[in-house]
Protein backbone atom coordinates (compact mmCIF):
# COMPACT_ATOMS: atom_id res chain seq x y z
CA GLU A 1 22.38 7.14 14.89
CA VAL A 2 18.63 6.86 14.59
CA GLN A 3 16.78 6.72 17.89
CA LEU A 4 13.05 6.54 18.65
CA VAL A 5 11.91 6.71 22.27
CA GLU A 6 8.25 6.19 23.19
CA SER A 7 6.59 7.27 26.41
CA GLY A 8 3.13 7.78 27.88
CA GLY A 9 1.83 4.25 28.22
CA GLY A 10 0.25 2.83 31.33
CA LEU A 11 -2.83 1.28 32.90
CA VAL A 12 -6.19 2.89 32.14
CA GLN A 13 -9.84 1.92 32.62
CA PRO A 14 -12.14 1.27 29.65
CA GLY A 15 -13.36 4.57 28.25
CA GLY A 16 -10.27 6.40 29.44
CA SER A 17 -7.57 8.24 27.50
CA LEU A 18 -3.80 8.19 27.05
CA ARG A 19 -1.40 10.30 25.02
CA LEU A 20 1.68 8.57 23.65
CA SER A 21 4.80 10.44 22.56
CA CYS A 22 7.75 9.39 20.41
CA ALA A 23 10.93 11.46 20.49
CA ALA A 24 13.09 11.06 17.38
CA SER A 25 16.76 11.85 16.82
CA GLY A 26 19.63 10.99 14.48
CA PHE A 27 17.86 11.84 11.21
CA THR A 28 15.98 14.61 9.45
CA PHE A 29 12.63 13.99 11.11
CA SER A 30 10.60 16.24 8.81
CA SER A 31 11.66 14.22 5.75
CA TYR A 32 9.87 11.04 6.80
CA TRP A 33 6.39 9.67 7.14
CA MET A 34 5.92 8.20 10.62
CA TYR A 35 3.77 5.35 11.91
CA TRP A 36 2.35 3.82 15.07
CA VAL A 37 2.20 0.02 15.23
CA ARG A 38 0.99 -2.21 18.05
CA GLN A 39 1.30 -5.83 19.11
CA ALA A 40 -1.23 -7.41 21.46
CA PRO A 41 -0.31 -10.43 23.63
CA GLY A 42 0.05 -13.50 21.43
CA LYS A 43 -0.79 -11.54 18.28
CA GLY A 44 1.13 -10.21 15.29
CA LEU A 45 2.01 -6.66 14.38
CA GLU A 46 -0.94 -4.41 13.63
CA TRP A 47 -0.75 -1.04 11.93
CA VAL A 48 -2.52 1.70 13.89
CA SER A 49 -1.90 5.07 12.25
CA THR A 50 0.19 7.04 9.76
CA ILE A 51 1.16 10.69 9.34
CA ASN A 52 2.92 12.30 6.40
CA ARG A 53 5.96 14.57 6.54
CA GLY A 54 4.18 17.85 7.09
CA GLY A 55 1.38 16.43 9.22
CA GLY A 56 -1.37 17.44 6.81
CA SER A 57 -2.40 13.89 5.90
CA THR A 58 -3.29 11.19 8.42
CA TYR A 59 -4.52 7.61 8.13
CA TYR A 60 -6.05 5.18 10.61
CA ALA A 61 -6.89 1.52 10.91
CA ASP A 62 -10.64 0.89 10.99
CA SER A 63 -10.36 -0.45 14.53
CA VAL A 64 -9.21 2.93 15.92
CA LYS A 65 -10.73 5.46 13.52
CA GLY A 66 -12.73 8.09 15.36
CA ARG A 67 -11.03 7.31 18.68
CA PHE A 68 -7.31 7.88 18.02
CA THR A 69 -5.57 10.97 16.62
CA ILE A 70 -2.00 11.07 15.29
CA SER A 71 -0.07 14.33 15.13
CA ARG A 72 3.50 15.59 14.91
CA ASP A 73 5.61 18.58 15.88
CA ASN A 74 8.56 18.76 13.51
CA ALA A 75 10.18 21.53 15.55
CA LYS A 76 10.32 19.12 18.50
CA ASN A 77 11.08 15.99 16.43
CA THR A 78 8.12 14.30 18.09
CA VAL A 79 5.11 12.30 16.92
CA TYR A 80 2.07 11.75 19.15
CA LEU A 81 -0.86 9.39 19.43
CA GLN A 82 -3.89 10.62 21.36
CA MET A 83 -6.03 7.64 22.35
CA ASN A 84 -9.59 8.21 23.57
CA SER A 85 -12.47 5.88 24.43
CA LEU A 86 -10.02 3.07 25.06
CA LYS A 87 -11.22 -0.52 24.95
CA PRO A 88 -9.72 -3.70 26.43
CA GLU A 89 -8.85 -4.85 22.91
CA ASP A 90 -6.52 -1.84 22.61
CA THR A 91 -4.18 -3.50 25.12
CA ALA A 92 -0.81 -3.88 23.39
CA VAL A 93 2.76 -2.67 23.16
CA TYR A 94 2.73 0.47 21.01
CA SER A 95 5.79 1.31 18.90
CA CYS A 96 6.82 4.33 16.88
CA VAL A 97 8.27 3.33 13.50
CA ARG A 98 10.27 4.86 10.65
CA MET A 99 10.40 2.52 7.69
CA GLU A 100 9.32 1.91 4.12
CA GLY A 101 5.61 2.31 3.52
CA TYR A 102 2.95 2.24 0.83
CA CYS A 103 -0.62 3.24 0.12
CA SER A 104 -3.08 0.86 -1.54
CA GLY A 105 -6.85 0.80 -1.18
CA GLY A 106 -7.81 1.36 2.41
CA TYR A 107 -4.27 0.82 3.70
CA CYS A 108 -1.63 3.52 3.98
CA GLY A 109 1.09 2.42 6.34
CA PRO A 110 4.35 0.56 6.85
CA SER A 111 5.51 -2.46 4.86
CA LEU A 112 5.22 -4.90 7.76
CA LEU A 113 6.17 -7.86 5.58
CA ARG A 114 9.74 -6.59 5.96
CA PRO A 115 9.91 -5.16 9.49
CA ASP A 116 13.71 -5.55 9.70
CA PHE A 117 14.19 -2.74 7.19
CA GLY A 118 13.24 0.10 9.47
CA TYR A 119 13.75 1.76 12.81
CA TRP A 120 11.68 0.98 15.90
CA GLY A 121 11.44 2.43 19.35
CA GLN A 122 11.52 0.25 22.45
CA GLY A 123 7.73 0.33 22.71
CA THR A 124 5.42 1.43 25.50
CA GLN A 125 2.86 -0.82 27.19
CA VAL A 126 -0.81 0.20 27.12
CA THR A 127 -3.14 -1.84 29.32
CA VAL A 128 -6.90 -1.19 29.30
CA SER A 129 -8.62 -2.99 32.15
CA SER A 130 -11.19 -2.41 34.87
């Protein structure tokens, strides 16, 4: 069965860094685009970043572009999110996602209008506070 397990979250001061990992199993990892999505307290789902099957194409939300970097290691069935220059508004639960996606205009990420048709990890909490 499909499993996605995130790790690496925690408490960090503004301007600090964290590296999130997502270990995948139960499917052919290299055949799928992967995504990071976050949900801040009291807010809806927000797309963060996307990476294609081979890792050669990446996409970012405007709010994190230039600060976050997505990558993957298909030999290890793992996708990563390096987060630098963290801000309090980055505080959220971060989830690794395998699901249907699309590219249109400035967006290239998951189809969040139908979040039930996909696979989600348990999420990892990121808190940015002084």
